[in-house]
Amino acid sequence: VQLQASGGGLVQAGGSLRLSCASSEQTVGVYTIGWFRQAPGKERAFVAAISWSGGNTYYADSVRGRFTISRDNAKNTVYLQMNNLKPEDTAVYYCAAGRYTAGRYTLSTGSYDNWGQGTLVTVSS
């Protein structure tokens, strides 16, 4: 499966952005889709994920309550709605697909085999 992330940009603190991850094939029923981010000088970190079944969502503590992940099966697209953005959310955001990835493995970059290119999110203070 091929992924393409989009929707990044420059926003002021407190603002919102919606990232999109478009896939080349239907992912529901097979692939868990995760969002990760990498800030300059830091390791890539888990942000959010939606399970291959579509029934479970996962969030990093730092974004829970502000970010929402959702899946539009008809469009083969997963969205990451980001509200109340903070300067520390500044990073390159990546989406990834993991075949039948579930449970605690959902949070690990090693559980995902397919990665899209990143999209840069910059939050100004």
PDB file of N, CA and C in Angstrom:
ATOM      1  N   VAL A   1       0.837  -1.170   0.000  1.00  0.00           N
ATOM      2  CA  VAL A   1       0.000   0.000   0.000  1.00  0.00           C
ATOM      3  C   VAL A   1       0.891   1.245   0.000  1.00  0.00           C
ATOM      4  N   GLN A   2       0.517   2.231  -0.812  1.00  0.00           N
ATOM      5  CA  GLN A   2       1.249   3.501  -0.858  1.00  0.00           C
ATOM      6  C   GLN A   2       0.435   4.573  -0.162  1.00  0.00           C
ATOM      7  N   LEU A   3       1.144   5.432   0.575  1.00  0.00           N
ATOM      8  CA  LEU A   3       0.487   6.463   1.365  1.00  0.00           C
ATOM      9  C   LEU A   3       1.001   7.836   0.969  1.00  0.00           C
ATOM     10  N   GLN A   4       0.111   8.817   1.036  1.00  0.00           N
ATOM     11  CA  GLN A   4       0.510  10.190   0.777  1.00  0.00           C
ATOM     12  C   GLN A   4      -0.117  11.090   1.826  1.00  0.00           C
ATOM     13  N   ALA A   5       0.734  11.744   2.593  1.00  0.00           N
ATOM     14  CA  ALA A   5       0.283  12.664   3.635  1.00  0.00           C
ATOM     15  C   ALA A   5       0.235  14.080   3.095  1.00  0.00           C
ATOM     16  N   SER A   6      -0.738  14.837   3.568  1.00  0.00           N
ATOM     17  CA  SER A   6      -0.871  16.233   3.152  1.00  0.00           C
ATOM     18  C   SER A   6      -1.601  17.017   4.232  1.00  0.00           C
ATOM     19  N   GLY A   7      -1.617  18.333   4.090  1.00  0.00           N
ATOM     20  CA  GLY A   7      -2.384  19.170   4.988  1.00  0.00           C
ATOM     21  C   GLY A   7      -1.574  19.990   5.969  1.00  0.00           C
ATOM     22  N   GLY A   8      -0.263  19.808   5.965  1.00  0.00           N
ATOM     23  CA  GLY A   8       0.564  20.568   6.875  1.00  0.00           C
ATOM     24  C   GLY A   8       0.607  22.040   6.498  1.00  0.00           C
ATOM     25  N   GLY A   9       1.165  22.842   7.402  1.00  0.00           N
ATOM     26  CA  GLY A   9       1.270  24.261   7.135  1.00  0.00           C
ATOM     27  C   GLY A   9       1.690  25.024   8.369  1.00  0.00           C
ATOM     28  N   LEU A  10       1.588  26.329   8.264  1.00  0.00           N
ATOM     29  CA  LEU A  10       1.948  27.220   9.367  1.00  0.00           C
ATOM     30  C   LEU A  10       0.672  27.722  10.028  1.00  0.00           C
ATOM     31  N   VAL A  11       0.599  27.604  11.337  1.00  0.00           N
ATOM     32  CA  VAL A  11      -0.582  28.023  12.082  1.00  0.00           C
ATOM     33  C   VAL A  11      -0.137  28.638  13.403  1.00  0.00           C
ATOM     34  N   GLN A  12      -0.938  29.545  13.902  1.00  0.00           N
ATOM     35  CA  GLN A  12      -0.635  30.135  15.193  1.00  0.00           C
ATOM     36  C   GLN A  12      -1.072  29.204  16.315  1.00  0.00           C
ATOM     37  N   ALA A  13      -0.457  29.372  17.449  1.00  0.00           N
ATOM     38  CA  ALA A  13      -0.837  28.585  18.620  1.00  0.00           C
ATOM     39  C   ALA A  13      -2.324  28.773  18.906  1.00  0.00           C
ATOM     40  N   GLY A  14      -2.983  27.666  19.222  1.00  0.00           N
ATOM     41  CA  GLY A  14      -4.413  27.689  19.442  1.00  0.00           C
ATOM     42  C   GLY A  14      -5.226  27.390  18.204  1.00  0.00           C
ATOM     43  N   GLY A  15      -4.576  27.375  17.062  1.00  0.00           N
ATOM     44  CA  GLY A  15      -5.262  27.122  15.805  1.00  0.00           C
ATOM     45  C   GLY A  15      -5.445  25.642  15.525  1.00  0.00           C
ATOM     46  N   SER A  16      -5.970  25.352  14.330  1.00  0.00           N
ATOM     47  CA  SER A  16      -6.274  23.972  13.944  1.00  0.00           C
ATOM     48  C   SER A  16      -5.754  23.674  12.552  1.00  0.00           C
ATOM     49  N   LEU A  17      -5.468  22.414  12.326  1.00  0.00           N
ATOM     50  CA  LEU A  17      -5.124  21.884  11.020  1.00  0.00           C
ATOM     51  C   LEU A  17      -5.711  20.489  10.895  1.00  0.00           C
ATOM     52  N   ARG A  18      -5.991  20.073   9.675  1.00  0.00           N
ATOM     53  CA  ARG A  18      -6.396  18.698   9.435  1.00  0.00           C
ATOM     54  C   ARG A  18      -5.443  18.071   8.435  1.00  0.00           C
ATOM     55  N   LEU A  19      -4.776  17.022   8.890  1.00  0.00           N
ATOM     56  CA  LEU A  19      -3.882  16.263   8.022  1.00  0.00           C
ATOM     57  C   LEU A  19      -4.662  15.123   7.367  1.00  0.00           C
ATOM     58  N   SER A  20      -4.272  14.800   6.151  1.00  0.00           N
ATOM     59  CA  SER A  20      -4.886  13.691   5.421  1.00  0.00           C
ATOM     60  C   SER A  20      -3.825  12.673   5.043  1.00  0.00           C
ATOM     61  N   CYS A  21      -4.194  11.423   5.075  1.00  0.00           N
ATOM     62  CA  CYS A  21      -3.323  10.331   4.633  1.00  0.00           C
ATOM     63  C   CYS A  21      -4.119   9.508   3.633  1.00  0.00           C
ATOM     64  N   ALA A  22      -3.826   9.710   2.355  1.00  0.00           N
ATOM     65  CA  ALA A  22      -4.533   9.003   1.294  1.00  0.00           C
ATOM     66  C   ALA A  22      -3.776   7.731   0.945  1.00  0.00           C
ATOM     67  N   SER A  23      -4.495   6.627   0.813  1.00  0.00           N
ATOM     68  CA  SER A  23      -3.853   5.351   0.509  1.00  0.00           C
ATOM     69  C   SER A  23      -4.236   4.892  -0.892  1.00  0.00           C
ATOM     70  N   SER A  24      -3.357   4.061  -1.461  1.00  0.00           N
ATOM     71  CA  SER A  24      -3.563   3.582  -2.826  1.00  0.00           C
ATOM     72  C   SER A  24      -4.583   2.462  -2.903  1.00  0.00           C
ATOM     73  N   GLU A  25      -4.964   1.911  -1.741  1.00  0.00           N
ATOM     74  CA  GLU A  25      -5.960   0.847  -1.704  1.00  0.00           C
ATOM     75  C   GLU A  25      -6.723   0.936  -0.396  1.00  0.00           C
ATOM     76  N   GLN A  26      -7.788   0.206  -0.310  1.00  0.00           N
ATOM     77  CA  GLN A  26      -8.582   0.226   0.915  1.00  0.00           C
ATOM     78  C   GLN A  26      -7.776  -0.379   2.061  1.00  0.00           C
ATOM     79  N   THR A  27      -7.779   0.311   3.184  1.00  0.00           N
ATOM     80  CA  THR A  27      -7.002  -0.148   4.328  1.00  0.00           C
ATOM     81  C   THR A  27      -7.860  -0.757   5.430  1.00  0.00           C
ATOM     82  N   VAL A  28      -9.117  -0.377   5.498  1.00  0.00           N
ATOM     83  CA  VAL A  28      -9.968  -0.914   6.555  1.00  0.00           C
ATOM     84  C   VAL A  28     -10.076  -2.422   6.382  1.00  0.00           C
ATOM     85  N   GLY A  29      -9.967  -3.121   7.489  1.00  0.00           N
ATOM     86  CA  GLY A  29     -10.032  -4.571   7.458  1.00  0.00           C
ATOM     87  C   GLY A  29      -8.667  -5.238   7.352  1.00  0.00           C
ATOM     88  N   VAL A  30      -7.639  -4.437   7.060  1.00  0.00           N
ATOM     89  CA  VAL A  30      -6.296  -4.998   6.888  1.00  0.00           C
ATOM     90  C   VAL A  30      -5.227  -4.174   7.606  1.00  0.00           C
ATOM     91  N   TYR A  31      -5.208  -2.881   7.371  1.00  0.00           N
ATOM     92  CA  TYR A  31      -4.115  -2.033   7.845  1.00  0.00           C
ATOM     93  C   TYR A  31      -4.553  -1.101   8.968  1.00  0.00           C
ATOM     94  N   THR A  32      -3.785  -1.104  10.041  1.00  0.00           N
ATOM     95  CA  THR A  32      -3.852  -0.036  11.028  1.00  0.00           C
ATOM     96  C   THR A  32      -3.087   1.147  10.472  1.00  0.00           C
ATOM     97  N   ILE A  33      -3.657   2.339  10.576  1.00  0.00           N
ATOM     98  CA  ILE A  33      -2.985   3.549  10.110  1.00  0.00           C
ATOM     99  C   ILE A  33      -2.560   4.385  11.309  1.00  0.00           C
ATOM    100  N   GLY A  34      -1.300   4.716  11.329  1.00  0.00           N
ATOM    101  CA  GLY A  34      -0.766   5.507  12.425  1.00  0.00           C
ATOM    102  C   GLY A  34      -0.200   6.831  11.941  1.00  0.00           C
ATOM    103  N   TRP A  35      -0.233   7.798  12.824  1.00  0.00           N
ATOM    104  CA  TRP A  35       0.442   9.081  12.590  1.00  0.00           C
ATOM    105  C   TRP A  35       1.598   9.190  13.585  1.00  0.00           C
ATOM    106  N   PHE A  36       2.731   9.582  13.065  1.00  0.00           N
ATOM    107  CA  PHE A  36       3.915   9.802  13.870  1.00  0.00           C
ATOM    108  C   PHE A  36       4.450  11.190  13.537  1.00  0.00           C
ATOM    109  N   ARG A  37       5.286  11.725  14.407  1.00  0.00           N
ATOM    110  CA  ARG A  37       5.888  13.019  14.122  1.00  0.00           C
ATOM    111  C   ARG A  37       7.348  13.021  14.565  1.00  0.00           C
ATOM    112  N   GLN A  38       8.099  13.862  13.878  1.00  0.00           N
ATOM    113  CA  GLN A  38       9.519  13.971  14.192  1.00  0.00           C
ATOM    114  C   GLN A  38       9.917  15.434  14.193  1.00  0.00           C
ATOM    115  N   ALA A  39      10.294  15.901  15.368  1.00  0.00           N
ATOM    116  CA  ALA A  39      10.776  17.272  15.517  1.00  0.00           C
ATOM    117  C   ALA A  39      12.283  17.290  15.289  1.00  0.00           C
ATOM    118  N   PRO A  40      12.841  18.440  14.952  1.00  0.00           N
ATOM    119  CA  PRO A  40      14.286  18.527  14.694  1.00  0.00           C
ATOM    120  C   PRO A  40      15.090  18.027  15.889  1.00  0.00           C
ATOM    121  N   GLY A  41      16.009  17.139  15.612  1.00  0.00           N
ATOM    122  CA  GLY A  41      16.875  16.617  16.656  1.00  0.00           C
ATOM    123  C   GLY A  41      16.254  15.576  17.554  1.00  0.00           C
ATOM    124  N   LYS A  42      15.034  15.170  17.251  1.00  0.00           N
ATOM    125  CA  LYS A  42      14.349  14.180  18.081  1.00  0.00           C
ATOM    126  C   LYS A  42      13.990  12.949  17.272  1.00  0.00           C
ATOM    127  N   GLU A  43      13.707  11.872  17.973  1.00  0.00           N
ATOM    128  CA  GLU A  43      13.293  10.641  17.329  1.00  0.00           C
ATOM    129  C   GLU A  43      11.825  10.742  16.895  1.00  0.00           C
ATOM    130  N   ARG A  44      11.490   9.923  15.924  1.00  0.00           N
ATOM    131  CA  ARG A  44      10.105   9.858  15.474  1.00  0.00           C
ATOM    132  C   ARG A  44       9.242   9.304  16.596  1.00  0.00           C
ATOM    133  N   ALA A  45       8.114   9.950  16.847  1.00  0.00           N
ATOM    134  CA  ALA A  45       7.279   9.579  17.993  1.00  0.00           C
ATOM    135  C   ALA A  45       5.840   9.339  17.565  1.00  0.00           C
ATOM    136  N   PHE A  46       5.211   8.422  18.263  1.00  0.00           N
ATOM    137  CA  PHE A  46       3.816   8.084  18.008  1.00  0.00           C
ATOM    138  C   PHE A  46       2.912   9.259  18.363  1.00  0.00           C
ATOM    139  N   VAL A  47       1.888   9.479  17.516  1.00  0.00           N
ATOM    140  CA  VAL A  47       0.892  10.515  17.770  1.00  0.00           C
ATOM    141  C   VAL A  47      -0.495   9.907  17.956  1.00  0.00           C
ATOM    142  N   ALA A  48      -0.937   9.153  16.964  1.00  0.00           N
ATOM    143  CA  ALA A  48      -2.282   8.582  17.001  1.00  0.00           C
ATOM    144  C   ALA A  48      -2.375   7.436  16.006  1.00  0.00           C
ATOM    145  N   ALA A  49      -3.361   6.579  16.198  1.00  0.00           N
ATOM    146  CA  ALA A  49      -3.579   5.479  15.265  1.00  0.00           C
ATOM    147  C   ALA A  49      -5.029   5.049  15.298  1.00  0.00           C
ATOM    148  N   ILE A  50      -5.456   4.463  14.197  1.00  0.00           N
ATOM    149  CA  ILE A  50      -6.790   3.867  14.127  1.00  0.00           C
ATOM    150  C   ILE A  50      -6.612   2.436  13.643  1.00  0.00           C
ATOM    151  N   SER A  51      -7.267   1.514  14.327  1.00  0.00           N
ATOM    152  CA  SER A  51      -7.023   0.095  14.098  1.00  0.00           C
ATOM    153  C   SER A  51      -7.521  -0.363  12.734  1.00  0.00           C
ATOM    154  N   TRP A  52      -6.999  -1.524  12.301  1.00  0.00           N
ATOM    155  CA  TRP A  52      -7.386  -2.085  11.009  1.00  0.00           C
ATOM    156  C   TRP A  52      -8.878  -2.406  10.975  1.00  0.00           C
ATOM    157  N   SER A  53      -9.450  -2.675  12.144  1.00  0.00           N
ATOM    158  CA  SER A  53     -10.882  -2.958  12.207  1.00  0.00           C
ATOM    159  C   SER A  53     -11.711  -1.683  12.219  1.00  0.00           C
ATOM    160  N   GLY A  54     -11.028  -0.568  12.499  1.00  0.00           N
ATOM    161  CA  GLY A  54     -11.738   0.694  12.591  1.00  0.00           C
ATOM    162  C   GLY A  54     -12.398   0.915  13.935  1.00  0.00           C
ATOM    163  N   GLY A  55     -12.301  -0.063  14.819  1.00  0.00           N
ATOM    164  CA  GLY A  55     -13.027   0.036  16.072  1.00  0.00           C
ATOM    165  C   GLY A  55     -12.257   0.663  17.219  1.00  0.00           C
ATOM    166  N   ASN A  56     -10.949   0.801  17.051  1.00  0.00           N
ATOM    167  CA  ASN A  56     -10.125   1.323  18.142  1.00  0.00           C
ATOM    168  C   ASN A  56      -9.255   2.482  17.679  1.00  0.00           C
ATOM    169  N   THR A  57      -9.122   3.462  18.551  1.00  0.00           N
ATOM    170  CA  THR A  57      -8.217   4.574  18.304  1.00  0.00           C
ATOM    171  C   THR A  57      -7.246   4.698  19.473  1.00  0.00           C
ATOM    172  N   TYR A  58      -6.075   5.197  19.166  1.00  0.00           N
ATOM    173  CA  TYR A  58      -5.009   5.318  20.141  1.00  0.00           C
ATOM    174  C   TYR A  58      -4.407   6.715  20.027  1.00  0.00           C
ATOM    175  N   TYR A  59      -4.027   7.275  21.172  1.00  0.00           N
ATOM    176  CA  TYR A  59      -3.444   8.613  21.174  1.00  0.00           C
ATOM    177  C   TYR A  59      -2.272   8.685  22.151  1.00  0.00           C
ATOM    178  N   ALA A  60      -1.291   9.486  21.780  1.00  0.00           N
ATOM    179  CA  ALA A  60      -0.238   9.820  22.725  1.00  0.00           C
ATOM    180  C   ALA A  60      -0.828  10.735  23.787  1.00  0.00           C
ATOM    181  N   ASP A  61      -0.308  10.645  24.985  1.00  0.00           N
ATOM    182  CA  ASP A  61      -0.831  11.470  26.081  1.00  0.00           C
ATOM    183  C   ASP A  61      -0.756  12.956  25.748  1.00  0.00           C
ATOM    184  N   SER A  62       0.263  13.338  25.017  1.00  0.00           N
ATOM    185  CA  SER A  62       0.491  14.762  24.728  1.00  0.00           C
ATOM    186  C   SER A  62      -0.550  15.357  23.782  1.00  0.00           C
ATOM    187  N   VAL A  63      -1.298  14.506  23.080  1.00  0.00           N
ATOM    188  CA  VAL A  63      -2.274  15.028  22.116  1.00  0.00           C
ATOM    189  C   VAL A  63      -3.708  14.617  22.441  1.00  0.00           C
ATOM    190  N   ARG A  64      -3.864  13.719  23.385  1.00  0.00           N
ATOM    191  CA  ARG A  64      -5.223  13.238  23.717  1.00  0.00           C
ATOM    192  C   ARG A  64      -6.088  14.407  24.153  1.00  0.00           C
ATOM    193  N   GLY A  65      -7.291  14.462  23.578  1.00  0.00           N
ATOM    194  CA  GLY A  65      -8.199  15.554  23.880  1.00  0.00           C
ATOM    195  C   GLY A  65      -8.078  16.731  22.928  1.00  0.00           C
ATOM    196  N   ARG A  66      -6.982  16.785  22.152  1.00  0.00           N
ATOM    197  CA  ARG A  66      -6.790  17.857  21.186  1.00  0.00           C
ATOM    198  C   ARG A  66      -6.821  17.332  19.749  1.00  0.00           C
ATOM    199  N   PHE A  67      -6.334  16.127  19.543  1.00  0.00           N
ATOM    200  CA  PHE A  67      -6.275  15.529  18.213  1.00  0.00           C
ATOM    201  C   PHE A  67      -7.310  14.427  18.103  1.00  0.00           C
ATOM    202  N   THR A  68      -7.846  14.262  16.895  1.00  0.00           N
ATOM    203  CA  THR A  68      -8.803  13.198  16.624  1.00  0.00           C
ATOM    204  C   THR A  68      -8.447  12.522  15.313  1.00  0.00           C
ATOM    205  N   ILE A  69      -8.334  11.196  15.357  1.00  0.00           N
ATOM    206  CA  ILE A  69      -8.058  10.432  14.150  1.00  0.00           C
ATOM    207  C   ILE A  69      -9.352   9.786  13.670  1.00  0.00           C
ATOM    208  N   SER A  70      -9.541   9.778  12.361  1.00  0.00           N
ATOM    209  CA  SER A  70     -10.751   9.177  11.799  1.00  0.00           C
ATOM    210  C   SER A  70     -10.430   8.609  10.427  1.00  0.00           C
ATOM    211  N   ARG A  71     -11.331   7.761   9.951  1.00  0.00           N
ATOM    212  CA  ARG A  71     -11.094   7.086   8.677  1.00  0.00           C
ATOM    213  C   ARG A  71     -12.323   7.248   7.787  1.00  0.00           C
ATOM    214  N   ASP A  72     -12.111   7.632   6.538  1.00  0.00           N
ATOM    215  CA  ASP A  72     -13.183   7.683   5.539  1.00  0.00           C
ATOM    216  C   ASP A  72     -12.917   6.539   4.562  1.00  0.00           C
ATOM    217  N   ASN A  73     -13.630   5.451   4.745  1.00  0.00           N
ATOM    218  CA  ASN A  73     -13.366   4.259   3.943  1.00  0.00           C
ATOM    219  C   ASN A  73     -13.668   4.474   2.461  1.00  0.00           C
ATOM    220  N   ALA A  74     -14.667   5.271   2.174  1.00  0.00           N
ATOM    221  CA  ALA A  74     -15.039   5.521   0.780  1.00  0.00           C
ATOM    222  C   ALA A  74     -13.935   6.255   0.020  1.00  0.00           C
ATOM    223  N   LYS A  75     -13.173   7.056   0.743  1.00  0.00           N
ATOM    224  CA  LYS A  75     -12.097   7.841   0.117  1.00  0.00           C
ATOM    225  C   LYS A  75     -10.715   7.249   0.365  1.00  0.00           C
ATOM    226  N   ASN A  76     -10.654   6.115   1.049  1.00  0.00           N
ATOM    227  CA  ASN A  76      -9.356   5.510   1.389  1.00  0.00           C
ATOM    228  C   ASN A  76      -8.430   6.534   2.039  1.00  0.00           C
ATOM    229  N   THR A  77      -8.976   7.272   2.962  1.00  0.00           N
ATOM    230  CA  THR A  77      -8.231   8.355   3.587  1.00  0.00           C
ATOM    231  C   THR A  77      -8.426   8.329   5.102  1.00  0.00           C
ATOM    232  N   VAL A  78      -7.344   8.571   5.807  1.00  0.00           N
ATOM    233  CA  VAL A  78      -7.375   8.730   7.256  1.00  0.00           C
ATOM    234  C   VAL A  78      -7.012  10.179   7.566  1.00  0.00           C
ATOM    235  N   TYR A  79      -7.762  10.755   8.474  1.00  0.00           N
ATOM    236  CA  TYR A  79      -7.560  12.153   8.834  1.00  0.00           C
ATOM    237  C   TYR A  79      -7.024  12.278  10.253  1.00  0.00           C
ATOM    238  N   LEU A  80      -6.277  13.333  10.479  1.00  0.00           N
ATOM    239  CA  LEU A  80      -5.854  13.699  11.817  1.00  0.00           C
ATOM    240  C   LEU A  80      -6.262  15.154  12.026  1.00  0.00           C
ATOM    241  N   GLN A  81      -7.337  15.339  12.767  1.00  0.00           N
ATOM    242  CA  GLN A  81      -7.790  16.681  13.095  1.00  0.00           C
ATOM    243  C   GLN A  81      -7.029  17.153  14.314  1.00  0.00           C
ATOM    244  N   MET A  82      -6.351  18.274  14.173  1.00  0.00           N
ATOM    245  CA  MET A  82      -5.504  18.788  15.252  1.00  0.00           C
ATOM    246  C   MET A  82      -6.041  20.145  15.682  1.00  0.00           C
ATOM    247  N   ASN A  83      -6.497  20.205  16.916  1.00  0.00           N
ATOM    248  CA  ASN A  83      -7.045  21.448  17.476  1.00  0.00           C
ATOM    249  C   ASN A  83      -6.171  21.941  18.613  1.00  0.00           C
ATOM    250  N   ASN A  84      -6.338  23.202  18.939  1.00  0.00           N
ATOM    251  CA  ASN A  84      -5.583  23.813  20.041  1.00  0.00           C
ATOM    252  C   ASN A  84      -4.091  23.496  19.919  1.00  0.00           C
ATOM    253  N   LEU A  85      -3.561  23.762  18.752  1.00  0.00           N
ATOM    254  CA  LEU A  85      -2.154  23.438  18.498  1.00  0.00           C
ATOM    255  C   LEU A  85      -1.221  24.265  19.350  1.00  0.00           C
ATOM    256  N   LYS A  86      -0.118  23.647  19.707  1.00  0.00           N
ATOM    257  CA  LYS A  86       0.887  24.276  20.554  1.00  0.00           C
ATOM    258  C   LYS A  86       2.231  24.307  19.813  1.00  0.00           C
ATOM    259  N   PRO A  87       3.112  25.226  20.166  1.00  0.00           N
ATOM    260  CA  PRO A  87       4.426  25.260  19.500  1.00  0.00           C
ATOM    261  C   PRO A  87       5.161  23.920  19.564  1.00  0.00           C
ATOM    262  N   GLU A  88       4.964  23.171  20.641  1.00  0.00           N
ATOM    263  CA  GLU A  88       5.638  21.876  20.765  1.00  0.00           C
ATOM    264  C   GLU A  88       5.068  20.815  19.832  1.00  0.00           C
ATOM    265  N   ASP A  89       3.986  21.126  19.130  1.00  0.00           N
ATOM    266  CA  ASP A  89       3.454  20.217  18.110  1.00  0.00           C
ATOM    267  C   ASP A  89       4.187  20.374  16.783  1.00  0.00           C
ATOM    268  N   THR A  90       5.072  21.349  16.697  1.00  0.00           N
ATOM    269  CA  THR A  90       5.827  21.575  15.468  1.00  0.00           C
ATOM    270  C   THR A  90       6.692  20.363  15.148  1.00  0.00           C
ATOM    271  N   ALA A  91       6.516  19.828  13.951  1.00  0.00           N
ATOM    272  CA  ALA A  91       7.249  18.626  13.540  1.00  0.00           C
ATOM    273  C   ALA A  91       6.869  18.274  12.117  1.00  0.00           C
ATOM    274  N   VAL A  92       7.598  17.329  11.552  1.00  0.00           N
ATOM    275  CA  VAL A  92       7.170  16.684  10.321  1.00  0.00           C
ATOM    276  C   VAL A  92       6.295  15.501  10.721  1.00  0.00           C
ATOM    277  N   TYR A  93       5.115  15.451  10.159  1.00  0.00           N
ATOM    278  CA  TYR A  93       4.153  14.404  10.474  1.00  0.00           C
ATOM    279  C   TYR A  93       4.137  13.364   9.357  1.00  0.00           C
ATOM    280  N   TYR A  94       4.179  12.100   9.765  1.00  0.00           N
ATOM    281  CA  TYR A  94       4.179  10.982   8.832  1.00  0.00           C
ATOM    282  C   TYR A  94       2.995  10.070   9.115  1.00  0.00           C
ATOM    283  N   CYS A  95       2.377   9.537   8.068  1.00  0.00           N
ATOM    284  CA  CYS A  95       1.409   8.467   8.271  1.00  0.00           C
ATOM    285  C   CYS A  95       2.036   7.152   7.826  1.00  0.00           C
ATOM    286  N   ALA A  96       1.556   6.073   8.426  1.00  0.00           N
ATOM    287  CA  ALA A  96       2.128   4.767   8.162  1.00  0.00           C
ATOM    288  C   ALA A  96       1.054   3.701   8.256  1.00  0.00           C
ATOM    289  N   ALA A  97       1.266   2.597   7.567  1.00  0.00           N
ATOM    290  CA  ALA A  97       0.310   1.487   7.565  1.00  0.00           C
ATOM    291  C   ALA A  97       0.975   0.234   8.093  1.00  0.00           C
ATOM    292  N   GLY A  98       0.293  -0.424   9.013  1.00  0.00           N
ATOM    293  CA  GLY A  98       0.786  -1.666   9.575  1.00  0.00           C
ATOM    294  C   GLY A  98      -0.262  -2.746   9.391  1.00  0.00           C
ATOM    295  N   ARG A  99       0.138  -3.842   8.759  1.00  0.00           N
ATOM    296  CA  ARG A  99      -0.806  -4.918   8.452  1.00  0.00           C
ATOM    297  C   ARG A  99      -1.189  -5.645   9.733  1.00  0.00           C
ATOM    298  N   TYR A 100      -2.449  -5.543  10.080  1.00  0.00           N
ATOM    299  CA  TYR A 100      -3.041  -6.173  11.265  1.00  0.00           C
ATOM    300  C   TYR A 100      -2.336  -5.764  12.565  1.00  0.00           C
ATOM    301  N   THR A 101      -1.674  -4.629  12.549  1.00  0.00           N
ATOM    302  CA  THR A 101      -1.059  -4.128  13.778  1.00  0.00           C
ATOM    303  C   THR A 101      -2.129  -3.866  14.828  1.00  0.00           C
ATOM    304  N   ALA A 102      -1.872  -4.308  16.046  1.00  0.00           N
ATOM    305  CA  ALA A 102      -2.889  -4.175  17.086  1.00  0.00           C
ATOM    306  C   ALA A 102      -2.251  -4.033  18.453  1.00  0.00           C
ATOM    307  N   GLY A 103      -3.066  -3.575  19.396  1.00  0.00           N
ATOM    308  CA  GLY A 103      -2.650  -3.508  20.787  1.00  0.00           C
ATOM    309  C   GLY A 103      -1.448  -2.615  20.999  1.00  0.00           C
ATOM    310  N   ARG A 104      -0.556  -3.079  21.893  1.00  0.00           N
ATOM    311  CA  ARG A 104       0.588  -2.249  22.265  1.00  0.00           C
ATOM    312  C   ARG A 104       1.551  -2.028  21.107  1.00  0.00           C
ATOM    313  N   TYR A 105       1.485  -2.898  20.103  1.00  0.00           N
ATOM    314  CA  TYR A 105       2.367  -2.750  18.954  1.00  0.00           C
ATOM    315  C   TYR A 105       1.993  -1.532  18.117  1.00  0.00           C
ATOM    316  N   THR A 106       0.794  -1.017  18.317  1.00  0.00           N
ATOM    317  CA  THR A 106       0.314   0.116  17.554  1.00  0.00           C
ATOM    318  C   THR A 106       1.174   1.352  17.758  1.00  0.00           C
ATOM    319  N   LEU A 107       1.836   1.443  18.906  1.00  0.00           N
ATOM    320  CA  LEU A 107       2.585   2.643  19.251  1.00  0.00           C
ATOM    321  C   LEU A 107       4.020   2.627  18.729  1.00  0.00           C
ATOM    322  N   SER A 108       4.432   1.529  18.141  1.00  0.00           N
ATOM    323  CA  SER A 108       5.831   1.364  17.760  1.00  0.00           C
ATOM    324  C   SER A 108       6.048   1.583  16.271  1.00  0.00           C
ATOM    325  N   THR A 109       7.072   2.368  15.918  1.00  0.00           N
ATOM    326  CA  THR A 109       7.369   2.589  14.504  1.00  0.00           C
ATOM    327  C   THR A 109       7.716   1.271  13.804  1.00  0.00           C
ATOM    328  N   GLY A 110       8.291   0.342  14.523  1.00  0.00           N
ATOM    329  CA  GLY A 110       8.690  -0.925  13.922  1.00  0.00           C
ATOM    330  C   GLY A 110       7.528  -1.802  13.493  1.00  0.00           C
ATOM    331  N   SER A 111       6.313  -1.457  13.923  1.00  0.00           N
ATOM    332  CA  SER A 111       5.139  -2.243  13.568  1.00  0.00           C
ATOM    333  C   SER A 111       4.547  -1.837  12.226  1.00  0.00           C
ATOM    334  N   TYR A 112       5.103  -0.831  11.615  1.00  0.00           N
ATOM    335  CA  TYR A 112       4.559  -0.284  10.371  1.00  0.00           C
ATOM    336  C   TYR A 112       5.548  -0.501   9.225  1.00  0.00           C
ATOM    337  N   ASP A 113       5.064  -1.051   8.141  1.00  0.00           N
ATOM    338  CA  ASP A 113       5.922  -1.391   7.005  1.00  0.00           C
ATOM    339  C   ASP A 113       5.872  -0.356   5.884  1.00  0.00           C
ATOM    340  N   ASN A 114       4.806   0.403   5.854  1.00  0.00           N
ATOM    341  CA  ASN A 114       4.624   1.336   4.744  1.00  0.00           C
ATOM    342  C   ASN A 114       4.493   2.752   5.296  1.00  0.00           C
ATOM    343  N   TRP A 115       5.290   3.646   4.744  1.00  0.00           N
ATOM    344  CA  TRP A 115       5.315   5.020   5.225  1.00  0.00           C
ATOM    345  C   TRP A 115       5.072   5.993   4.085  1.00  0.00           C
ATOM    346  N   GLY A 116       4.337   7.036   4.376  1.00  0.00           N
ATOM    347  CA  GLY A 116       4.176   8.119   3.419  1.00  0.00           C
ATOM    348  C   GLY A 116       5.277   9.150   3.616  1.00  0.00           C
ATOM    349  N   GLN A 117       5.344  10.094   2.694  1.00  0.00           N
ATOM    350  CA  GLN A 117       6.287  11.190   2.877  1.00  0.00           C
ATOM    351  C   GLN A 117       5.744  12.092   3.965  1.00  0.00           C
ATOM    352  N   GLY A 118       6.563  12.877   4.588  1.00  0.00           N
ATOM    353  CA  GLY A 118       6.115  13.716   5.680  1.00  0.00           C
ATOM    354  C   GLY A 118       5.445  14.989   5.208  1.00  0.00           C
ATOM    355  N   THR A 119       4.698  15.573   6.124  1.00  0.00           N
ATOM    356  CA  THR A 119       4.115  16.893   5.888  1.00  0.00           C
ATOM    357  C   THR A 119       4.448  17.763   7.102  1.00  0.00           C
ATOM    358  N   LEU A 120       4.959  18.957   6.850  1.00  0.00           N
ATOM    359  CA  LEU A 120       5.478  19.796   7.911  1.00  0.00           C
ATOM    360  C   LEU A 120       4.372  20.622   8.558  1.00  0.00           C
ATOM    361  N   VAL A 121       4.331  20.550   9.870  1.00  0.00           N
ATOM    362  CA  VAL A 121       3.421  21.379  10.661  1.00  0.00           C
ATOM    363  C   VAL A 121       4.265  22.313  11.511  1.00  0.00           C
ATOM    364  N   THR A 122       4.017  23.599  11.373  1.00  0.00           N
ATOM    365  CA  THR A 122       4.739  24.599  12.152  1.00  0.00           C
ATOM    366  C   THR A 122       3.730  25.428  12.926  1.00  0.00           C
ATOM    367  N   VAL A 123       3.897  25.451  14.248  1.00  0.00           N
ATOM    368  CA  VAL A 123       2.997  26.206  15.114  1.00  0.00           C
ATOM    369  C   VAL A 123       3.782  27.356  15.724  1.00  0.00           C
ATOM    370  N   SER A 124       3.365  28.548  15.427  1.00  0.00           N
ATOM    371  CA  SER A 124       4.058  29.724  15.953  1.00  0.00           C
ATOM    372  C   SER A 124       3.420  30.188  17.253  1.00  0.00           C
ATOM    373  N   SER A 125       4.244  30.741  18.116  1.00  0.00           N
ATOM    374  CA  SER A 125       3.741  31.181  19.424  1.00  0.00           C
ATOM    375  C   SER A 125       3.255  32.618  19.370  1.00  0.00           C
TER     376      SER A 125
END
